[in-house]
Full PDB file with SEQRES, HELIX, SHEET, SSBOND, CRYST1, ORIGX, SCALE, CONECT and MASTER records, all heavy atoms in Angstrom:
SEQRES   1 A   35  ASN VAL SER LEU ALA VAL CYS THR VAL ILE GLY VAL LEU          
SEQRES   2 A   35  VAL PHE GLY ALA MET PHE ILE ALA MET PHE ARG PHE ARG          
SEQRES   3 A   35  LYS SER ARG GLY ALA VAL ALA GLU LYS                          
HELIX    1 AA1 VAL A    2  ARG A   24  1                                  23    
HELIX    2 AA2 LYS A   27  ARG A   29  5                                   3    
CRYST1    1.000    1.000    1.000  90.00  90.00  90.00 P 1           1          
ORIGX1      1.000000  0.000000  0.000000        0.00000                         
ORIGX2      0.000000  1.000000  0.000000        0.00000                         
ORIGX3      0.000000  0.000000  1.000000        0.00000                         
SCALE1      1.000000  0.000000  0.000000        0.00000                         
SCALE2      0.000000  1.000000  0.000000        0.00000                         
SCALE3      0.000000  0.000000  1.000000        0.00000                         
ATOM      1  N   ASN A   1     -48.207 180.183 -19.914  1.00  0.00           N  
ATOM      2  CA  ASN A   1     -47.633 179.301 -20.925  1.00  0.00           C  
ATOM      3  C   ASN A   1     -48.676 178.833 -21.940  1.00  0.00           C  
ATOM      4  O   ASN A   1     -48.417 178.773 -23.145  1.00  0.00           O  
ATOM      5  CB  ASN A   1     -46.994 178.076 -20.254  1.00  0.00           C  
ATOM      6  CG  ASN A   1     -45.739 178.435 -19.487  1.00  0.00           C  
ATOM      7  OD1 ASN A   1     -45.273 179.571 -19.557  1.00  0.00           O  
ATOM      8  ND2 ASN A   1     -45.206 177.485 -18.747  1.00  0.00           N  
ATOM      9  N   VAL A   2     -49.882 178.520 -21.433  1.00  0.00           N  
ATOM     10  CA  VAL A   2     -50.964 178.096 -22.330  1.00  0.00           C  
ATOM     11  C   VAL A   2     -51.323 179.237 -23.282  1.00  0.00           C  
ATOM     12  O   VAL A   2     -51.463 179.041 -24.499  1.00  0.00           O  
ATOM     13  CB  VAL A   2     -52.194 177.666 -21.509  1.00  0.00           C  
ATOM     14  CG1 VAL A   2     -53.416 177.507 -22.420  1.00  0.00           C  
ATOM     15  CG2 VAL A   2     -51.916 176.359 -20.784  1.00  0.00           C  
ATOM     16  N   SER A   3     -51.462 180.446 -22.737  1.00  0.00           N  
ATOM     17  CA  SER A   3     -51.819 181.601 -23.574  1.00  0.00           C  
ATOM     18  C   SER A   3     -50.737 181.877 -24.604  1.00  0.00           C  
ATOM     19  O   SER A   3     -51.030 182.187 -25.768  1.00  0.00           O  
ATOM     20  CB  SER A   3     -52.039 182.834 -22.695  1.00  0.00           C  
ATOM     21  OG  SER A   3     -53.051 182.612 -21.736  1.00  0.00           O  
ATOM     22  N   LEU A   4     -49.481 181.759 -24.189  1.00  0.00           N  
ATOM     23  CA  LEU A   4     -48.383 181.986 -25.122  1.00  0.00           C  
ATOM     24  C   LEU A   4     -48.382 180.933 -26.234  1.00  0.00           C  
ATOM     25  O   LEU A   4     -48.141 181.251 -27.406  1.00  0.00           O  
ATOM     26  CB  LEU A   4     -47.049 181.962 -24.375  1.00  0.00           C  
ATOM     27  CG  LEU A   4     -45.791 182.151 -25.232  1.00  0.00           C  
ATOM     28  CD1 LEU A   4     -45.850 183.480 -25.999  1.00  0.00           C  
ATOM     29  CD2 LEU A   4     -44.536 182.086 -24.372  1.00  0.00           C  
ATOM     30  N   ALA A   5     -48.671 179.687 -25.881  1.00  0.00           N  
ATOM     31  CA  ALA A   5     -48.721 178.632 -26.896  1.00  0.00           C  
ATOM     32  C   ALA A   5     -49.840 178.899 -27.901  1.00  0.00           C  
ATOM     33  O   ALA A   5     -49.652 178.749 -29.108  1.00  0.00           O  
ATOM     34  CB  ALA A   5     -48.922 177.277 -26.223  1.00  0.00           C  
ATOM     35  N   VAL A   6     -51.008 179.312 -27.390  1.00  0.00           N  
ATOM     36  CA  VAL A   6     -52.128 179.627 -28.280  1.00  0.00           C  
ATOM     37  C   VAL A   6     -51.759 180.771 -29.210  1.00  0.00           C  
ATOM     38  O   VAL A   6     -51.988 180.717 -30.431  1.00  0.00           O  
ATOM     39  CB  VAL A   6     -53.383 179.975 -27.456  1.00  0.00           C  
ATOM     40  CG1 VAL A   6     -54.486 180.534 -28.360  1.00  0.00           C  
ATOM     41  CG2 VAL A   6     -53.892 178.753 -26.710  1.00  0.00           C  
ATOM     42  N   CYS A   7     -51.171 181.835 -28.646  1.00  0.00           N  
ATOM     43  CA  CYS A   7     -50.777 182.985 -29.471  1.00  0.00           C  
ATOM     44  C   CYS A   7     -49.717 182.597 -30.501  1.00  0.00           C  
ATOM     45  O   CYS A   7     -49.728 183.091 -31.638  1.00  0.00           O  
ATOM     46  CB  CYS A   7     -50.254 184.111 -28.581  1.00  0.00           C  
ATOM     47  SG  CYS A   7     -51.508 184.859 -27.528  1.00  0.00           S  
ATOM     48  N   THR A   8     -48.808 181.708 -30.108  1.00  0.00           N  
ATOM     49  CA  THR A   8     -47.758 181.275 -31.032  1.00  0.00           C  
ATOM     50  C   THR A   8     -48.344 180.505 -32.214  1.00  0.00           C  
ATOM     51  O   THR A   8     -47.998 180.753 -33.375  1.00  0.00           O  
ATOM     52  CB  THR A   8     -46.731 180.393 -30.297  1.00  0.00           C  
ATOM     53  OG1 THR A   8     -46.149 181.143 -29.224  1.00  0.00           O  
ATOM     54  CG2 THR A   8     -45.624 179.939 -31.244  1.00  0.00           C  
ATOM     55  N   VAL A   9     -49.256 179.584 -31.915  1.00  0.00           N  
ATOM     56  CA  VAL A   9     -49.889 178.795 -32.989  1.00  0.00           C  
ATOM     57  C   VAL A   9     -50.684 179.710 -33.921  1.00  0.00           C  
ATOM     58  O   VAL A   9     -50.601 179.598 -35.158  1.00  0.00           O  
ATOM     59  CB  VAL A   9     -50.790 177.705 -32.387  1.00  0.00           C  
ATOM     60  CG1 VAL A   9     -51.608 177.020 -33.482  1.00  0.00           C  
ATOM     61  CG2 VAL A   9     -49.951 176.677 -31.636  1.00  0.00           C  
ATOM     62  N   ILE A  10     -51.454 180.632 -33.347  1.00  0.00           N  
ATOM     63  CA  ILE A  10     -52.243 181.559 -34.167  1.00  0.00           C  
ATOM     64  C   ILE A  10     -51.321 182.418 -35.027  1.00  0.00           C  
ATOM     65  O   ILE A  10     -51.569 182.627 -36.229  1.00  0.00           O  
ATOM     66  CB  ILE A  10     -53.132 182.445 -33.277  1.00  0.00           C  
ATOM     67  CG1 ILE A  10     -54.218 181.601 -32.612  1.00  0.00           C  
ATOM     68  CG2 ILE A  10     -53.756 183.575 -34.090  1.00  0.00           C  
ATOM     69  CD1 ILE A  10     -55.056 182.361 -31.609  1.00  0.00           C  
ATOM     70  N   GLY A  11     -50.243 182.906 -34.439  1.00  0.00           N  
ATOM     71  CA  GLY A  11     -49.300 183.735 -35.192  1.00  0.00           C  
ATOM     72  C   GLY A  11     -48.674 182.991 -36.354  1.00  0.00           C  
ATOM     73  O   GLY A  11     -48.558 183.519 -37.463  1.00  0.00           O  
ATOM     74  N   VAL A  12     -48.271 181.728 -36.101  1.00  0.00           N  
ATOM     75  CA  VAL A  12     -47.664 180.927 -37.171  1.00  0.00           C  
ATOM     76  C   VAL A  12     -48.662 180.691 -38.303  1.00  0.00           C  
ATOM     77  O   VAL A  12     -48.328 180.826 -39.490  1.00  0.00           O  
ATOM     78  CB  VAL A  12     -47.152 179.591 -36.608  1.00  0.00           C  
ATOM     79  CG1 VAL A  12     -46.754 178.643 -37.735  1.00  0.00           C  
ATOM     80  CG2 VAL A  12     -45.964 179.823 -35.675  1.00  0.00           C  
ATOM     81  N   LEU A  13     -49.905 180.345 -37.950  1.00  0.00           N  
ATOM     82  CA  LEU A  13     -50.911 180.076 -38.975  1.00  0.00           C  
ATOM     83  C   LEU A  13     -51.258 181.332 -39.777  1.00  0.00           C  
ATOM     84  O   LEU A  13     -51.308 181.301 -41.019  1.00  0.00           O  
ATOM     85  CB  LEU A  13     -52.174 179.504 -38.334  1.00  0.00           C  
ATOM     86  CG  LEU A  13     -52.044 178.107 -37.707  1.00  0.00           C  
ATOM     87  CD1 LEU A  13     -53.352 177.696 -37.040  1.00  0.00           C  
ATOM     88  CD2 LEU A  13     -51.643 177.081 -38.765  1.00  0.00           C  
ATOM     89  N   VAL A  14     -51.482 182.448 -39.082  1.00  0.00           N  
ATOM     90  CA  VAL A  14     -51.895 183.672 -39.765  1.00  0.00           C  
ATOM     91  C   VAL A  14     -50.775 184.214 -40.649  1.00  0.00           C  
ATOM     92  O   VAL A  14     -50.970 184.496 -41.839  1.00  0.00           O  
ATOM     93  CB  VAL A  14     -52.353 184.729 -38.752  1.00  0.00           C  
ATOM     94  CG1 VAL A  14     -52.565 186.079 -39.432  1.00  0.00           C  
ATOM     95  CG2 VAL A  14     -53.629 184.284 -38.058  1.00  0.00           C  
ATOM     96  N   PHE A  15     -49.586 184.362 -40.080  1.00  0.00           N  
ATOM     97  CA  PHE A  15     -48.491 184.914 -40.866  1.00  0.00           C  
ATOM     98  C   PHE A  15     -48.015 183.927 -41.935  1.00  0.00           C  
ATOM     99  O   PHE A  15     -47.526 184.332 -42.989  1.00  0.00           O  
ATOM    100  CB  PHE A  15     -47.334 185.336 -39.959  1.00  0.00           C  
ATOM    101  CG  PHE A  15     -47.621 186.598 -39.191  1.00  0.00           C  
ATOM    102  CD1 PHE A  15     -48.024 186.553 -37.869  1.00  0.00           C  
ATOM    103  CD2 PHE A  15     -47.506 187.841 -39.810  1.00  0.00           C  
ATOM    104  CE1 PHE A  15     -48.301 187.717 -37.172  1.00  0.00           C  
ATOM    105  CE2 PHE A  15     -47.772 189.010 -39.121  1.00  0.00           C  
ATOM    106  CZ  PHE A  15     -48.180 188.948 -37.801  1.00  0.00           C  
ATOM    107  N   GLY A  16     -48.148 182.626 -41.648  1.00  0.00           N  
ATOM    108  CA  GLY A  16     -47.827 181.640 -42.673  1.00  0.00           C  
ATOM    109  C   GLY A  16     -48.750 181.763 -43.867  1.00  0.00           C  
ATOM    110  O   GLY A  16     -48.313 181.721 -45.036  1.00  0.00           O  
ATOM    111  N   ALA A  17     -50.070 181.919 -43.594  1.00  0.00           N  
ATOM    112  CA  ALA A  17     -51.033 182.090 -44.697  1.00  0.00           C  
ATOM    113  C   ALA A  17     -50.754 183.373 -45.467  1.00  0.00           C  
ATOM    114  O   ALA A  17     -50.843 183.400 -46.710  1.00  0.00           O  
ATOM    115  CB  ALA A  17     -52.452 182.101 -44.125  1.00  0.00           C  
ATOM    116  N   MET A  18     -50.414 184.453 -44.751  1.00  0.00           N  
ATOM    117  CA  MET A  18     -50.088 185.709 -45.425  1.00  0.00           C  
ATOM    118  C   MET A  18     -48.854 185.555 -46.311  1.00  0.00           C  
ATOM    119  O   MET A  18     -48.811 186.042 -47.449  1.00  0.00           O  
ATOM    120  CB  MET A  18     -49.862 186.813 -44.379  1.00  0.00           C  
ATOM    121  CG  MET A  18     -51.126 187.254 -43.655  1.00  0.00           C  
ATOM    122  SD  MET A  18     -50.784 188.428 -42.322  1.00  0.00           S  
ATOM    123  CE  MET A  18     -49.991 189.747 -43.239  1.00  0.00           C  
ATOM    124  N   PHE A  19     -47.834 184.862 -45.787  1.00  0.00           N  
ATOM    125  CA  PHE A  19     -46.605 184.663 -46.557  1.00  0.00           C  
ATOM    126  C   PHE A  19     -46.881 183.875 -47.844  1.00  0.00           C  
ATOM    127  O   PHE A  19     -46.425 184.236 -48.935  1.00  0.00           O  
ATOM    128  CB  PHE A  19     -45.573 183.949 -45.688  1.00  0.00           C  
ATOM    129  CG  PHE A  19     -44.273 183.681 -46.378  1.00  0.00           C  
ATOM    130  CD1 PHE A  19     -43.279 184.641 -46.421  1.00  0.00           C  
ATOM    131  CD2 PHE A  19     -44.036 182.451 -47.002  1.00  0.00           C  
ATOM    132  CE1 PHE A  19     -42.082 184.397 -47.060  1.00  0.00           C  
ATOM    133  CE2 PHE A  19     -42.838 182.188 -47.640  1.00  0.00           C  
ATOM    134  CZ  PHE A  19     -41.855 183.170 -47.669  1.00  0.00           C  
ATOM    135  N   ILE A  20     -47.651 182.790 -47.692  1.00  0.00           N  
ATOM    136  CA  ILE A  20     -47.978 181.977 -48.871  1.00  0.00           C  
ATOM    137  C   ILE A  20     -48.778 182.790 -49.891  1.00  0.00           C  
ATOM    138  O   ILE A  20     -48.518 182.744 -51.100  1.00  0.00           O  
ATOM    139  CB  ILE A  20     -48.769 180.720 -48.439  1.00  0.00           C  
ATOM    140  CG1 ILE A  20     -47.866 179.790 -47.627  1.00  0.00           C  
ATOM    141  CG2 ILE A  20     -49.327 179.975 -49.654  1.00  0.00           C  
ATOM    142  CD1 ILE A  20     -48.596 178.626 -46.989  1.00  0.00           C  
ATOM    143  N   ALA A  21     -49.767 183.567 -49.383  1.00  0.00           N  
ATOM    144  CA  ALA A  21     -50.603 184.350 -50.297  1.00  0.00           C  
ATOM    145  C   ALA A  21     -49.788 185.398 -51.042  1.00  0.00           C  
ATOM    146  O   ALA A  21     -49.982 185.624 -52.249  1.00  0.00           O  
ATOM    147  CB  ALA A  21     -51.732 185.017 -49.509  1.00  0.00           C  
ATOM    148  N   MET A  22     -48.848 186.044 -50.346  1.00  0.00           N  
ATOM    149  CA  MET A  22     -48.076 187.125 -50.972  1.00  0.00           C  
ATOM    150  C   MET A  22     -47.064 186.621 -51.987  1.00  0.00           C  
ATOM    151  O   MET A  22     -46.827 187.259 -53.014  1.00  0.00           O  
ATOM    152  CB  MET A  22     -47.368 187.950 -49.882  1.00  0.00           C  
ATOM    153  CG  MET A  22     -48.299 188.826 -49.066  1.00  0.00           C  
ATOM    154  SD  MET A  22     -47.398 189.928 -47.944  1.00  0.00           S  
ATOM    155  CE  MET A  22     -46.621 188.742 -46.858  1.00  0.00           C  
ATOM    156  N   PHE A  23     -46.452 185.477 -51.717  1.00  0.00           N  
ATOM    157  CA  PHE A  23     -45.358 185.023 -52.586  1.00  0.00           C  
ATOM    158  C   PHE A  23     -45.798 183.967 -53.609  1.00  0.00           C  
ATOM    159  O   PHE A  23     -45.296 183.951 -54.734  1.00  0.00           O  
ATOM    160  CB  PHE A  23     -44.206 184.489 -51.733  1.00  0.00           C  
ATOM    161  CG  PHE A  23     -43.480 185.567 -50.988  1.00  0.00           C  
ATOM    162  CD1 PHE A  23     -43.864 185.936 -49.714  1.00  0.00           C  
ATOM    163  CD2 PHE A  23     -42.416 186.258 -51.575  1.00  0.00           C  
ATOM    164  CE1 PHE A  23     -43.203 186.941 -49.025  1.00  0.00           C  
ATOM    165  CE2 PHE A  23     -41.756 187.262 -50.895  1.00  0.00           C  
ATOM    166  CZ  PHE A  23     -42.150 187.613 -49.625  1.00  0.00           C  
ATOM    167  N   ARG A  24     -46.724 183.114 -53.248  1.00  0.00           N  
ATOM    168  CA  ARG A  24     -47.126 182.079 -54.199  1.00  0.00           C  
ATOM    169  C   ARG A  24     -48.176 182.589 -55.181  1.00  0.00           C  
ATOM    170  O   ARG A  24     -48.183 182.185 -56.348  1.00  0.00           O  
ATOM    171  CB  ARG A  24     -47.654 180.862 -53.449  1.00  0.00           C  
ATOM    172  CG  ARG A  24     -48.007 179.707 -54.377  1.00  0.00           C  
ATOM    173  CD  ARG A  24     -48.420 178.488 -53.578  1.00  0.00           C  
ATOM    174  NE  ARG A  24     -48.794 177.391 -54.460  1.00  0.00           N  
ATOM    175  CZ  ARG A  24     -49.230 176.201 -54.033  1.00  0.00           C  
ATOM    176  NH1 ARG A  24     -49.331 175.967 -52.725  1.00  0.00           N  
ATOM    177  NH2 ARG A  24     -49.546 175.267 -54.889  1.00  0.00           N  
ATOM    178  N   PHE A  25     -49.032 183.470 -54.719  1.00  0.00           N  
ATOM    179  CA  PHE A  25     -50.118 183.952 -55.563  1.00  0.00           C  
ATOM    180  C   PHE A  25     -49.968 185.434 -55.904  1.00  0.00           C  
ATOM    181  O   PHE A  25     -50.947 186.167 -55.962  1.00  0.00           O  
ATOM    182  CB  PHE A  25     -51.465 183.698 -54.862  1.00  0.00           C  
ATOM    183  CG  PHE A  25     -51.712 182.261 -54.536  1.00  0.00           C  
ATOM    184  CD1 PHE A  25     -51.592 181.790 -53.232  1.00  0.00           C  
ATOM    185  CD2 PHE A  25     -52.029 181.354 -55.541  1.00  0.00           C  
ATOM    186  CE1 PHE A  25     -51.810 180.461 -52.939  1.00  0.00           C  
ATOM    187  CE2 PHE A  25     -52.248 180.017 -55.250  1.00  0.00           C  
ATOM    188  CZ  PHE A  25     -52.128 179.562 -53.948  1.00  0.00           C  
ATOM    189  N   ARG A  26     -48.733 185.845 -56.130  1.00  0.00           N  
ATOM    190  CA  ARG A  26     -48.522 187.244 -56.508  1.00  0.00           C  
ATOM    191  C   ARG A  26     -48.766 187.437 -58.012  1.00  0.00           C  
ATOM    192  O   ARG A  26     -48.694 186.491 -58.806  1.00  0.00           O  
ATOM    193  CB  ARG A  26     -47.125 187.695 -56.127  1.00  0.00           C  
ATOM    194  CG  ARG A  26     -45.983 186.988 -56.823  1.00  0.00           C  
ATOM    195  CD  ARG A  26     -44.642 187.451 -56.226  1.00  0.00           C  
ATOM    196  NE  ARG A  26     -43.502 186.895 -56.935  1.00  0.00           N  
ATOM    197  CZ  ARG A  26     -42.939 185.747 -56.639  1.00  0.00           C  
ATOM    198  NH1 ARG A  26     -43.441 185.020 -55.627  1.00  0.00           N  
ATOM    199  NH2 ARG A  26     -41.906 185.314 -57.318  1.00  0.00           N  
ATOM    200  N   LYS A  27     -49.026 188.675 -58.412  1.00  0.00           N  
ATOM    201  CA  LYS A  27     -49.376 188.996 -59.797  1.00  0.00           C  
ATOM    202  C   LYS A  27     -48.250 188.666 -60.772  1.00  0.00           C  
ATOM    203  O   LYS A  27     -48.493 188.234 -61.901  1.00  0.00           O  
ATOM    204  CB  LYS A  27     -49.730 190.481 -59.886  1.00  0.00           C  
ATOM    205  CG  LYS A  27     -50.209 190.913 -61.256  1.00  0.00           C  
ATOM    206  CD  LYS A  27     -50.606 192.383 -61.251  1.00  0.00           C  
ATOM    207  CE  LYS A  27     -51.084 192.816 -62.635  1.00  0.00           C  
ATOM    208  NZ  LYS A  27     -51.472 194.242 -62.656  1.00  0.00           N  
ATOM    209  N   SER A  28     -46.998 188.862 -60.311  1.00  0.00           N  
ATOM    210  CA  SER A  28     -45.867 188.615 -61.205  1.00  0.00           C  
ATOM    211  C   SER A  28     -45.763 187.149 -61.621  1.00  0.00           C  
ATOM    212  O   SER A  28     -45.111 186.821 -62.613  1.00  0.00           O  
ATOM    213  CB  SER A  28     -44.563 189.060 -60.539  1.00  0.00           C  
ATOM    214  OG  SER A  28     -44.336 188.326 -59.352  1.00  0.00           O  
ATOM    215  N   ARG A  29     -46.410 186.269 -60.881  1.00  0.00           N  
ATOM    216  CA  ARG A  29     -46.412 184.841 -61.241  1.00  0.00           C  
ATOM    217  C   ARG A  29     -47.661 184.475 -62.041  1.00  0.00           C  
ATOM    218  O   ARG A  29     -47.913 183.298 -62.309  1.00  0.00           O  
ATOM    219  CB  ARG A  29     -46.345 183.981 -59.977  1.00  0.00           C  
ATOM    220  CG  ARG A  29     -45.022 184.133 -59.219  1.00  0.00           C  
ATOM    221  CD  ARG A  29     -44.894 183.103 -58.114  1.00  0.00           C  
ATOM    222  NE  ARG A  29     -44.918 181.747 -58.656  1.00  0.00           N  
ATOM    223  CZ  ARG A  29     -44.816 180.640 -57.905  1.00  0.00           C  
ATOM    224  NH1 ARG A  29     -44.686 180.759 -56.585  1.00  0.00           N  
ATOM    225  NH2 ARG A  29     -44.847 179.451 -58.466  1.00  0.00           N  
ATOM    226  N   GLY A  30     -48.433 185.475 -62.401  1.00  0.00           N  
ATOM    227  CA  GLY A  30     -49.603 185.223 -63.226  1.00  0.00           C  
ATOM    228  C   GLY A  30     -50.852 184.834 -62.472  1.00  0.00           C  
ATOM    229  O   GLY A  30     -51.820 184.358 -63.080  1.00  0.00           O  
ATOM    230  N   ALA A  31     -50.842 185.006 -61.158  1.00  0.00           N  
ATOM    231  CA  ALA A  31     -52.022 184.649 -60.367  1.00  0.00           C  
ATOM    232  C   ALA A  31     -53.166 185.601 -60.682  1.00  0.00           C  
ATOM    233  O   ALA A  31     -52.972 186.804 -60.848  1.00  0.00           O  
ATOM    234  CB  ALA A  31     -51.695 184.704 -58.874  1.00  0.00           C  
ATOM    235  N   VAL A  32     -54.369 185.052 -60.780  1.00  0.00           N  
ATOM    236  CA  VAL A  32     -55.567 185.845 -61.054  1.00  0.00           C  
ATOM    237  C   VAL A  32     -56.516 185.698 -59.871  1.00  0.00           C  
ATOM    238  O   VAL A  32     -56.846 184.574 -59.456  1.00  0.00           O  
ATOM    239  CB  VAL A  32     -56.265 185.378 -62.348  1.00  0.00           C  
ATOM    240  CG1 VAL A  32     -57.528 186.188 -62.598  1.00  0.00           C  
ATOM    241  CG2 VAL A  32     -55.308 185.485 -63.524  1.00  0.00           C  
ATOM    242  N   ALA A  33     -56.940 186.831 -59.341  1.00  0.00           N  
ATOM    243  CA  ALA A  33     -57.808 186.802 -58.155  1.00  0.00           C  
ATOM    244  C   ALA A  33     -59.166 186.232 -58.497  1.00  0.00           C  
ATOM    245  O   ALA A  33     -59.707 186.456 -59.582  1.00  0.00           O  
ATOM    246  CB  ALA A  33     -57.950 188.214 -57.589  1.00  0.00           C  
ATOM    247  N   GLU A  34     -59.718 185.464 -57.544  1.00  0.00           N  
ATOM    248  CA  GLU A  34     -61.071 184.948 -57.715  1.00  0.00           C  
ATOM    249  C   GLU A  34     -62.084 186.089 -57.598  1.00  0.00           C  
ATOM    250  O   GLU A  34     -61.802 187.141 -57.016  1.00  0.00           O  
ATOM    251  CB  GLU A  34     -61.359 183.888 -56.644  1.00  0.00           C  
ATOM    252  CG  GLU A  34     -60.512 182.628 -56.781  1.00  0.00           C  
ATOM    253  CD  GLU A  34     -60.946 181.771 -57.957  1.00  0.00           C  
ATOM    254  OE1 GLU A  34     -62.000 182.070 -58.559  1.00  0.00           O  
ATOM    255  OE2 GLU A  34     -60.224 180.817 -58.301  1.00  0.00           O  
ATOM    256  N   LYS A  35     -63.301 185.859 -58.090  1.00  0.00           N  
ATOM    257  CA  LYS A  35     -64.325 186.888 -58.093  1.00  0.00           C  
ATOM    258  C   LYS A  35     -65.232 186.834 -56.853  1.00  0.00           C  
ATOM    259  O   LYS A  35     -65.935 187.781 -56.558  1.00  0.00           O  
ATOM    260  CB  LYS A  35     -65.184 186.751 -59.365  1.00  0.00           C  
ATOM    261  CG  LYS A  35     -64.387 186.855 -60.669  1.00  0.00           C  
ATOM    262  CD  LYS A  35     -63.690 188.208 -60.797  1.00  0.00           C  
ATOM    263  CE  LYS A  35     -62.962 188.325 -62.135  1.00  0.00           C  
ATOM    264  NZ  LYS A  35     -62.251 189.622 -62.252  1.00  0.00           N  
TER     265      LYS A  35                                                      
MASTER        0    0    0    2    0    0    0    6  264    1    0    3          
END                                                                             
């Protein structure tokens, strides 16, 4: 249960960050990548 909870939290954080990066900072919205 502890391992599953850790994996769940990591999954939510990682995929949440990916989701935000793909949709909020996409090129069609005018986002410009940092250097």
